[in-house]
N, C-alpha and C. Protein backbone atom coordinates (compact mmCIF):
# COMPACT_ATOMS: atom_id res chain seq x y z
N UNK A 1 12.97 6.76 -5.49
CA UNK A 1 12.36 7.93 -5.14
C UNK A 1 12.24 9.21 -5.80
N UNK A 2 10.65 9.35 -6.80
CA UNK A 2 10.36 10.65 -7.44
C UNK A 2 10.18 11.23 -6.83
N UNK A 3 10.31 12.66 -6.50
CA UNK A 3 9.19 13.73 -5.85
C UNK A 3 9.19 15.16 -6.79
N UNK A 4 7.51 16.38 -6.32
CA UNK A 4 7.45 17.31 -6.92
C UNK A 4 7.10 18.45 -5.54
N UNK A 5 6.46 19.50 -6.18
CA UNK A 5 6.56 20.23 -5.25
C UNK A 5 5.01 19.59 -3.84
N UNK A 6 4.34 19.00 -4.93
CA UNK A 6 2.85 17.88 -4.44
C UNK A 6 2.64 17.14 -4.54
N UNK A 7 4.12 16.18 -4.98
CA UNK A 7 3.23 15.11 -4.77
C UNK A 7 5.07 13.78 -5.09
N UNK A 8 4.61 12.61 -5.52
CA UNK A 8 6.14 12.18 -6.21
C UNK A 8 5.55 10.26 -5.82
N UNK A 9 6.44 9.63 -5.72
CA UNK A 9 6.49 8.04 -6.29
C UNK A 9 7.45 7.89 -4.78
N UNK A 10 6.77 6.02 -4.35
CA UNK A 10 8.22 5.76 -3.65
C UNK A 10 8.40 4.15 -4.40
N UNK A 11 9.01 3.43 -4.47
CA UNK A 11 9.37 2.09 -4.73
C UNK A 11 10.12 1.29 -4.47
N UNK A 12 9.66 -0.09 -4.14
CA UNK A 12 10.69 -0.68 -3.35
C UNK A 12 10.84 -2.05 -3.78
N UNK A 13 11.90 -2.82 -3.42
CA UNK A 13 12.07 -3.93 -4.28
C UNK A 13 12.25 -4.84 -2.59
N UNK A 14 12.08 -5.82 -2.02
CA UNK A 14 12.58 -6.48 -1.45
C UNK A 14 12.52 -8.66 -1.57
N UNK A 15 13.69 -9.05 -0.81
CA UNK A 15 13.05 -10.73 -0.75
C UNK A 15 12.78 -10.59 0.48
N UNK A 16 11.12 -11.63 0.71
CA UNK A 16 10.70 -11.88 2.33
C UNK A 16 10.50 -13.39 1.93
N UNK A 17 11.30 -14.25 3.53
CA UNK A 17 11.28 -15.60 3.93
C UNK A 17 9.80 -15.96 3.69
N UNK A 18 8.95 -15.91 3.43
CA UNK A 18 7.36 -16.41 3.46
C UNK A 18 7.08 -16.51 1.16
N UNK A 19 6.12 -17.59 0.69
CA UNK A 19 5.82 -17.68 0.08
C UNK A 19 4.70 -16.99 -0.17
N UNK A 20 4.36 -16.56 -2.17
CA UNK A 20 3.99 -15.82 -1.96
C UNK A 20 2.12 -15.62 -1.71
N UNK A 21 1.77 -16.94 -1.68
CA UNK A 21 0.40 -16.22 -0.53
C UNK A 21 0.11 -15.83 0.34
N UNK A 22 1.62 -16.55 1.14
CA UNK A 22 1.01 -15.47 2.78
C UNK A 22 1.19 -14.36 2.50
N UNK A 23 2.60 -13.80 2.04
CA UNK A 23 2.73 -12.65 1.21
C UNK A 23 1.42 -11.76 1.46
N UNK A 24 0.84 -12.49 0.17
CA UNK A 24 -0.63 -11.18 -0.76
C UNK A 24 -1.34 -11.56 0.73
N UNK A 25 -1.50 -12.70 1.52
CA UNK A 25 -2.46 -12.44 2.55
C UNK A 25 -2.03 -11.44 3.87
N UNK A 26 -0.68 -11.14 3.85
CA UNK A 26 -0.70 -10.13 5.05
C UNK A 26 -0.84 -8.41 4.02
N UNK A 27 -0.30 -8.31 3.34
CA UNK A 27 -1.17 -7.14 1.93
C UNK A 27 -2.27 -6.85 1.89
N UNK A 28 -3.56 -8.07 1.99
CA UNK A 28 -4.65 -7.62 1.34
C UNK A 28 -5.41 -7.49 3.22
N UNK A 29 -4.49 -8.08 3.95
CA UNK A 29 -5.57 -7.93 5.43
C UNK A 29 -5.44 -6.49 6.40
N UNK A 30 -6.15 -5.25 5.57
CA UNK A 30 -6.08 -3.72 5.81
C UNK A 30 -6.76 -3.50 6.73
N UNK A 31 -7.44 -3.98 7.36
CA UNK A 31 -7.52 -3.91 8.85
C UNK A 31 -6.66 -4.21 9.96
N UNK A 32 -5.39 -4.90 9.95
CA UNK A 32 -4.92 -5.23 10.43
C UNK A 32 -3.54 -4.48 10.15
N UNK A 33 -4.05 -3.06 9.40
CA UNK A 33 -2.14 -2.31 9.13
C UNK A 33 -2.41 -1.07 10.03
N UNK A 34 -3.39 -0.89 10.89
CA UNK A 34 -3.22 0.20 12.63
C UNK A 34 -2.09 -0.74 13.17
N UNK A 35 -1.41 -0.15 13.39
CA UNK A 35 -0.41 -0.95 14.37
C UNK A 35 0.37 -1.96 14.26
N UNK A 36 0.77 -2.56 12.81
CA UNK A 36 2.15 -2.59 11.61
C UNK A 36 2.17 -1.73 11.07
N UNK A 37 1.50 -0.78 10.24
CA UNK A 37 2.25 0.03 9.78
C UNK A 37 2.61 1.03 10.67
N UNK A 38 4.37 1.46 10.62
CA UNK A 38 4.52 2.68 11.44
C UNK A 38 3.69 3.85 11.87
N UNK A 39 2.98 3.81 10.71
CA UNK A 39 2.40 5.42 10.23
C UNK A 39 1.04 5.71 9.94
N UNK A 40 0.06 4.74 10.57
CA UNK A 40 -1.35 4.56 10.15
C UNK A 40 -1.16 4.51 11.81
N UNK A 41 -2.65 4.92 11.93
CA UNK A 41 -3.01 5.12 13.36
C UNK A 41 -4.70 3.98 12.91
N UNK A 42 -5.53 4.26 12.51
CA UNK A 42 -6.18 3.50 11.91
C UNK A 42 -6.54 2.80 10.52
N UNK A 43 -7.24 2.27 10.45
CA UNK A 43 -7.76 0.96 9.55
C UNK A 43 -8.99 0.07 9.58
N UNK A 44 -10.02 0.08 8.65
CA UNK A 44 -10.78 -0.55 8.89
C UNK A 44 -11.07 -0.86 7.17
N UNK A 45 -11.80 -2.00 6.50
CA UNK A 45 -12.25 -2.36 5.76
C UNK A 45 -13.95 -2.02 5.53
N UNK A 46 -14.22 -0.80 4.36
CA UNK A 46 -15.92 -1.00 4.69
C UNK A 46 -16.95 -1.12 3.33
N UNK A 47 -15.66 -1.92 2.68
CA UNK A 47 -16.49 -2.63 1.46
C UNK A 47 -15.67 -3.84 1.29
N UNK A 48 -16.15 -5.07 0.87
CA UNK A 48 -15.16 -5.66 -0.12
C UNK A 48 -16.30 -6.84 -0.79
N UNK A 49 -16.11 -7.15 -2.18
CA UNK A 49 -16.72 -7.56 -3.14
C UNK A 49 -16.13 -8.67 -3.99
N UNK A 50 -16.22 -10.14 -3.90
CA UNK A 50 -15.04 -10.61 -5.12
C UNK A 50 -16.27 -10.76 -6.90
N UNK A 51 -15.64 -10.51 -8.03
CA UNK A 51 -15.82 -10.23 -9.35
C UNK A 51 -15.55 -11.38 -9.71
N UNK A 52 -16.25 -12.74 -9.32
CA UNK A 52 -16.76 -14.29 -9.96
C UNK A 52 -16.01 -14.20 -11.31
N UNK A 53 -16.78 -14.19 -12.08
CA UNK A 53 -16.14 -13.35 -13.80
C UNK A 53 -14.81 -13.04 -13.96
N UNK A 54 -14.65 -11.81 -13.49
CA UNK A 54 -13.51 -11.37 -13.62
C UNK A 54 -12.16 -12.09 -12.66
N UNK A 55 -12.75 -12.93 -11.55
CA UNK A 55 -11.14 -13.15 -10.75
C UNK A 55 -10.55 -12.30 -10.07
N UNK A 56 -11.10 -10.93 -9.67
CA UNK A 56 -10.44 -10.01 -8.85
C UNK A 56 -11.34 -10.53 -7.50
N UNK A 57 -10.97 -9.39 -6.62
CA UNK A 57 -11.48 -8.75 -5.30
C UNK A 57 -11.45 -7.50 -5.25
N UNK A 58 -12.33 -7.09 -5.01
CA UNK A 58 -12.65 -5.12 -5.05
C UNK A 58 -12.18 -5.32 -3.04
N UNK A 59 -11.40 -4.26 -2.53
CA UNK A 59 -11.17 -4.41 -0.90
C UNK A 59 -11.11 -2.79 -1.13
N UNK A 60 -12.16 -1.60 0.27
CA UNK A 60 -12.16 -0.95 -0.16
C UNK A 60 -11.81 -0.46 1.38
N UNK A 61 -10.78 0.33 2.06
CA UNK A 61 -10.24 0.27 3.17
C UNK A 61 -10.46 2.08 3.35
N UNK A 62 -10.44 2.60 4.85
CA UNK A 62 -10.56 4.00 5.24
C UNK A 62 -9.05 3.91 6.16
N UNK A 63 -7.96 4.83 5.87
CA UNK A 63 -6.99 4.25 6.25
C UNK A 63 -6.69 5.88 7.07
N UNK A 64 -5.53 5.88 7.95
CA UNK A 64 -5.10 7.28 8.96
C UNK A 64 -3.86 7.32 8.91
N UNK A 65 -3.62 8.53 7.88
CA UNK A 65 -1.74 8.03 7.78
C UNK A 65 -1.33 9.28 8.77
N UNK A 66 -0.05 9.02 9.37
CA UNK A 66 0.84 10.74 10.04
C UNK A 66 1.26 10.73 8.78
N UNK A 67 1.20 11.94 8.78
CA UNK A 67 2.19 12.89 7.78
C UNK A 67 3.43 13.99 8.16
N UNK A 68 3.84 14.01 9.91
CA UNK A 68 4.47 15.30 10.08
C UNK A 68 3.61 16.17 10.64
N UNK A 69 2.19 16.79 10.10
CA UNK A 69 2.43 17.95 10.33
C UNK A 69 0.02 17.48 10.78
N UNK A 70 -0.08 16.70 9.97
CA UNK A 70 -1.17 16.33 9.96
C UNK A 70 -1.65 14.59 9.81
N UNK A 71 -3.01 14.44 10.41
CA UNK A 71 -3.48 12.84 9.85
C UNK A 71 -3.84 12.96 9.10
N UNK A 72 -3.57 12.01 7.56
CA UNK A 72 -4.58 12.09 6.36
C UNK A 72 -5.17 11.27 6.84
N UNK A 73 -6.59 11.20 6.51
CA UNK A 73 -7.36 10.09 6.65
C UNK A 73 -8.14 10.10 4.82
N UNK A 74 -7.50 8.20 4.67
CA UNK A 74 -7.62 8.06 2.88
C UNK A 74 -8.71 7.13 3.04
N UNK A 75 -8.77 7.18 1.72
CA UNK A 75 -10.34 6.19 1.26
C UNK A 75 -9.39 5.30 0.21
N UNK A 76 -8.95 4.07 -0.13
CA UNK A 76 -8.74 3.26 -1.01
C UNK A 76 -9.44 2.85 -1.62
N UNK A 77 -9.93 2.10 -2.80
CA UNK A 77 -10.40 1.03 -3.68
C UNK A 77 -8.76 0.69 -3.96
N UNK A 78 -8.45 -0.73 -3.60
CA UNK A 78 -8.14 -1.72 -3.45
C UNK A 78 -8.55 -3.20 -4.81
N UNK A 79 -7.67 -3.36 -6.14
CA UNK A 79 -8.21 -4.28 -6.42
C UNK A 79 -7.11 -5.82 -6.53
N UNK A 80 -7.68 -6.65 -5.86
CA UNK A 80 -6.82 -7.56 -5.84
C UNK A 80 -6.91 -9.21 -6.60
N UNK A 81 -6.16 -8.87 -7.81
CA UNK A 81 -5.80 -9.95 -8.64
C UNK A 81 -5.07 -10.99 -8.34
N UNK A 82 -5.31 -12.35 -7.73
CA UNK A 82 -4.92 -13.33 -7.21
C UNK A 82 -4.07 -14.35 -8.17
N UNK A 83 -4.50 -14.11 -9.50
CA UNK A 83 -4.10 -14.99 -10.52
C UNK A 83 -2.27 -14.11 -11.12
N UNK A 84 -2.67 -13.17 -10.67
CA UNK A 84 -1.08 -12.69 -11.15
C UNK A 84 -1.03 -12.14 -9.82
N UNK A 85 -0.89 -12.55 -8.67
CA UNK A 85 0.22 -11.68 -7.34
C UNK A 85 -0.49 -10.26 -7.43
N UNK A 86 -1.21 -9.44 -7.74
CA UNK A 86 -1.06 -8.37 -7.36
C UNK A 86 -2.27 -7.48 -7.33
N UNK A 87 -1.98 -6.48 -6.43
CA UNK A 87 -2.84 -5.76 -5.44
C UNK A 87 -2.75 -4.30 -6.13
N UNK A 88 -3.73 -3.48 -7.15
CA UNK A 88 -3.55 -1.67 -7.01
C UNK A 88 -4.48 -1.69 -6.21
N UNK A 89 -4.16 0.15 -6.49
CA UNK A 89 -5.21 0.87 -5.57
C UNK A 89 -5.24 2.28 -6.23
N UNK A 90 -5.66 2.79 -5.70
CA UNK A 90 -6.92 3.91 -6.29
C UNK A 90 -7.22 4.83 -4.86
N UNK A 91 -7.61 6.49 -5.02
CA UNK A 91 -8.67 6.74 -4.20
C UNK A 91 -10.17 6.38 -4.34
N UNK A 92 -10.81 5.95 -3.22
CA UNK A 92 -12.02 5.88 -3.72
C UNK A 92 -12.95 7.53 -4.41
N UNK A 93 -13.18 6.84 -5.02
CA UNK A 93 -14.04 8.24 -5.97
C UNK A 93 -15.13 8.82 -5.41
N UNK A 94 -15.49 7.80 -4.17
CA UNK A 94 -17.16 8.54 -4.18
C UNK A 94 -17.17 8.70 -2.61
N UNK A 95 -15.73 8.37 -2.10
CA UNK A 95 -15.73 9.11 -0.79
C UNK A 95 -14.67 10.50 -0.59
N UNK A 96 -14.12 11.14 -0.09
CA UNK A 96 -13.42 12.41 0.44
C UNK A 96 -12.19 11.78 1.24
N UNK A 97 -11.07 11.41 0.27
CA UNK A 97 -9.79 11.32 0.92
C UNK A 97 -8.80 12.88 1.17
N UNK A 98 -8.08 12.73 2.08
CA UNK A 98 -7.16 13.61 2.17
C UNK A 98 -5.95 13.93 1.10
N UNK A 99 -5.81 13.41 0.32
CA UNK A 99 -4.70 12.89 -0.48
C UNK A 99 -5.78 13.18 -1.55
N UNK A 100 -4.99 14.10 -3.11
CA UNK A 100 -5.69 14.42 -4.13
C UNK A 100 -5.87 13.34 -5.32
N UNK A 101 -4.44 12.44 -5.63
CA UNK A 101 -4.57 11.18 -5.52
C UNK A 101 -3.59 10.08 -5.63
N UNK A 102 -3.26 9.17 -5.52
CA UNK A 102 -2.79 7.68 -5.08
C UNK A 102 -3.50 6.41 -6.10
N UNK A 103 -2.36 6.21 -7.15
CA UNK A 103 -2.35 5.12 -7.39
C UNK A 103 -0.92 4.21 -7.49
N UNK A 104 -1.36 2.89 -6.76
CA UNK A 104 -0.43 2.11 -6.41
C UNK A 104 -0.51 0.61 -6.90
N UNK A 105 0.56 0.26 -6.89
CA UNK A 105 0.53 -1.19 -6.81
C UNK A 105 1.40 -2.52 -5.95
N UNK A 106 1.22 -3.73 -5.37
CA UNK A 106 1.89 -4.84 -4.84
C UNK A 106 2.15 -5.62 -6.43
N UNK A 107 3.41 -6.58 -6.35
CA UNK A 107 3.82 -7.71 -6.97
C UNK A 107 3.70 -8.33 -6.30
N UNK A 108 3.85 -9.72 -6.44
CA UNK A 108 4.11 -10.47 -5.29
C UNK A 108 4.58 -11.86 -6.18
N UNK A 109 6.10 -12.25 -6.52
CA UNK A 109 6.93 -12.66 -7.34
C UNK A 109 7.27 -14.47 -6.41
N UNK A 110 8.01 -15.36 -7.07
CA UNK A 110 8.33 -16.64 -6.37
C UNK A 110 9.49 -15.92 -5.95
N UNK A 111 10.13 -16.60 -5.04
CA UNK A 111 11.91 -16.13 -5.52
C UNK A 111 12.75 -16.55 -6.17
N UNK A 112 13.36 -16.03 -7.51
CA UNK A 112 13.96 -17.18 -8.17
C UNK A 112 14.53 -18.27 -8.06
N UNK A 113 15.54 -18.49 -6.78
CA UNK A 113 16.69 -19.27 -6.03
C UNK A 113 15.70 -19.94 -4.65
N UNK A 114 15.36 -18.87 -3.81
CA UNK A 114 15.09 -19.28 -2.59
C UNK A 114 13.83 -20.18 -2.82
N UNK A 115 13.23 -21.19 -1.95
CA UNK A 115 12.51 -21.69 -2.16
C UNK A 115 11.62 -21.42 -0.45
N UNK A 116 10.11 -21.21 -0.97
CA UNK A 116 9.25 -20.78 -0.32
C UNK A 116 9.77 -19.33 0.59
N UNK A 117 10.35 -18.52 -0.94
CA UNK A 117 10.42 -16.91 -0.16
C UNK A 117 9.56 -16.31 -1.98
N UNK A 118 9.89 -15.14 -1.62
CA UNK A 118 8.84 -13.50 -2.26
C UNK A 118 9.71 -12.50 -2.46
N UNK A 119 9.50 -12.67 -3.97
CA UNK A 119 10.28 -10.83 -4.46
C UNK A 119 9.17 -10.41 -4.55
N UNK A 120 9.22 -8.63 -3.35
CA UNK A 120 7.95 -8.29 -3.27
C UNK A 120 8.63 -6.97 -3.74
N UNK A 121 7.38 -6.66 -4.98
CA UNK A 121 8.02 -5.33 -5.90
C UNK A 121 6.65 -4.31 -5.05
N UNK A 122 7.22 -3.27 -4.69
CA UNK A 122 5.50 -2.21 -4.17
C UNK A 122 6.59 -0.48 -4.78
N UNK A 123 4.84 -0.30 -5.48
CA UNK A 123 5.32 1.26 -5.87
C UNK A 123 4.36 1.72 -5.41
N UNK A 124 4.15 3.69 -4.73
CA UNK A 124 3.06 4.44 -4.94
C UNK A 124 3.39 5.40 -5.60
N UNK A 125 2.35 6.13 -6.23
CA UNK A 125 2.08 8.06 -6.89
C UNK A 125 1.23 8.34 -6.27
N UNK A 126 1.43 9.72 -5.61
CA UNK A 126 1.42 10.47 -4.85
C UNK A 126 0.43 11.61 -4.92
N UNK A 127 -0.45 12.49 -4.83
CA UNK A 127 -0.66 14.10 -4.90
C UNK A 127 -0.74 14.00 -3.68
N UNK A 128 -0.81 15.54 -3.13
CA UNK A 128 -0.71 15.55 -1.58
C UNK A 128 -1.31 17.27 -1.73
N UNK A 129 -1.28 17.53 -0.88
CA UNK A 129 -1.90 19.15 -1.13
C UNK A 129 -1.02 19.93 -1.20
N UNK A 130 -0.78 21.36 -2.01
CA UNK A 130 -0.70 22.27 -2.02
C UNK A 130 0.59 22.60 -1.03
N UNK A 131 -0.54 22.71 0.32
CA UNK A 131 -0.48 23.65 1.09
C UNK A 131 1.20 22.71 1.79
N UNK A 132 1.25 21.52 2.12
CA UNK A 132 2.23 20.61 2.49
C UNK A 132 3.63 20.73 2.23
N UNK A 133 4.03 21.28 3.52
CA UNK A 133 5.35 21.39 3.11
C UNK A 133 6.26 20.62 2.45
N UNK A 134 7.86 21.67 1.42
CA UNK A 134 7.94 20.40 0.73
C UNK A 134 8.79 18.98 1.34
N UNK A 135 9.35 20.08 2.81
CA UNK A 135 10.06 18.63 3.06
C UNK A 135 9.42 17.89 3.70
N UNK A 136 8.07 17.81 4.09
CA UNK A 136 7.29 16.58 4.14
C UNK A 136 6.95 15.77 3.09
N UNK A 137 6.72 16.22 2.09
CA UNK A 137 6.36 15.96 0.88
C UNK A 137 6.88 14.70 0.45
N UNK A 138 8.97 15.23 0.37
CA UNK A 138 9.96 14.73 -0.13
C UNK A 138 10.06 13.73 0.91
N UNK A 139 10.48 13.85 2.17
CA UNK A 139 10.04 12.00 3.41
C UNK A 139 9.07 11.44 3.04
N UNK A 140 7.81 11.75 2.92
CA UNK A 140 6.82 10.72 2.42
C UNK A 140 7.19 9.84 1.15
N UNK A 141 7.38 10.48 0.42
CA UNK A 141 8.04 9.49 -1.06
C UNK A 141 9.43 9.25 -0.86
N UNK A 142 9.97 9.58 -0.15
CA UNK A 142 11.68 8.90 0.33
C UNK A 142 11.39 7.62 1.14
N UNK A 143 10.52 7.49 2.18
CA UNK A 143 10.39 6.19 3.21
C UNK A 143 9.23 5.56 2.74
N UNK A 144 8.18 5.77 1.23
CA UNK A 144 6.17 4.99 1.66
C UNK A 144 7.57 3.59 1.27
N UNK A 145 8.08 3.56 0.36
CA UNK A 145 8.16 2.00 -0.04
C UNK A 145 9.02 1.25 0.97
N UNK A 146 10.10 1.93 1.73
CA UNK A 146 10.37 0.87 2.95
C UNK A 146 10.34 1.04 3.84
N UNK A 147 8.86 1.68 4.30
CA UNK A 147 8.15 1.36 5.05
C UNK A 147 7.05 0.50 5.25
N UNK A 148 6.13 -0.08 3.62
CA UNK A 148 5.35 -0.68 3.22
C UNK A 148 5.73 -2.05 3.27
N UNK A 149 7.01 -2.57 2.56
CA UNK A 149 7.98 -3.26 2.79
C UNK A 149 8.14 -4.06 3.86
N UNK A 150 8.64 -2.89 4.72
CA UNK A 150 9.43 -3.76 6.53
C UNK A 150 8.09 -4.14 7.09
N UNK A 151 7.26 -2.96 6.81
CA UNK A 151 5.53 -3.55 7.68
C UNK A 151 5.27 -5.18 7.37
N UNK A 152 5.30 -5.13 5.42
CA UNK A 152 5.17 -6.78 5.21
C UNK A 152 5.91 -7.40 5.48
N UNK A 153 6.81 -7.28 5.38
CA UNK A 153 8.04 -8.41 6.01
C UNK A 153 8.09 -8.54 7.28
N UNK A 154 8.09 -7.81 8.27
CA UNK A 154 7.76 -8.38 10.09
C UNK A 154 6.38 -9.19 9.85
N UNK A 155 5.19 -8.58 9.09
CA UNK A 155 3.86 -9.45 9.28
C UNK A 155 4.01 -10.31 8.37
N UNK A 156 4.49 -10.98 7.24
CA UNK A 156 4.26 -11.60 6.53
C UNK A 156 4.94 -13.17 6.77
N UNK A 157 6.25 -12.73 7.73
CA UNK A 157 6.81 -13.61 7.85
C UNK A 157 6.28 -14.39 9.06
N UNK A 158 5.69 -14.18 9.67
CA UNK A 158 4.87 -14.69 10.75
C UNK A 158 4.56 -15.37 11.45
C-alpha cells in the first residue's frame, strides 16, 4: 500500500481454488458486488457493450462504497480483455463521482503449479477528496486490495 494526503494505492496478490474463467466471471459480475464486497452497499451496471474487433467488453457500473465518514458514489468504466484475463477500470468521465480519480486492474493467471487454481493480482490507485481525514485515506488504501481479493475468493470459488 502507498498513501499520500489525498489518495494512494492498494495492491494484493492471492491464489484461488478456481480456474481463471470462474474468477473472471466473479470479477465482472458487478451487479452482485453489493452484499458480497463488505464496503459496497449498492452496485448496478448501467451500460454494457462488446467491441468485437478489439475483442473487449466495456462495463460501466454505479457503485456506492462506505468510506468511514461518507458513502461514496462512484461511476466506473471497466474494460474487460478476455484474451489477457484482465479487467482495467477508471472513473466514467461522463458521470460525476465522489472520488477524484481511480485507475485499477485485475489480472488473473493460471496457477503455476496447482491445477484448476488461479493466481489473482489486484491493484488500484485512487485520488480522494482533500477534505477526507488522513486516517480514512490510509485505511482505505491499506485494506482495498485485501478486501477486493477476499470478496473474489469467497464468491469465485463457490
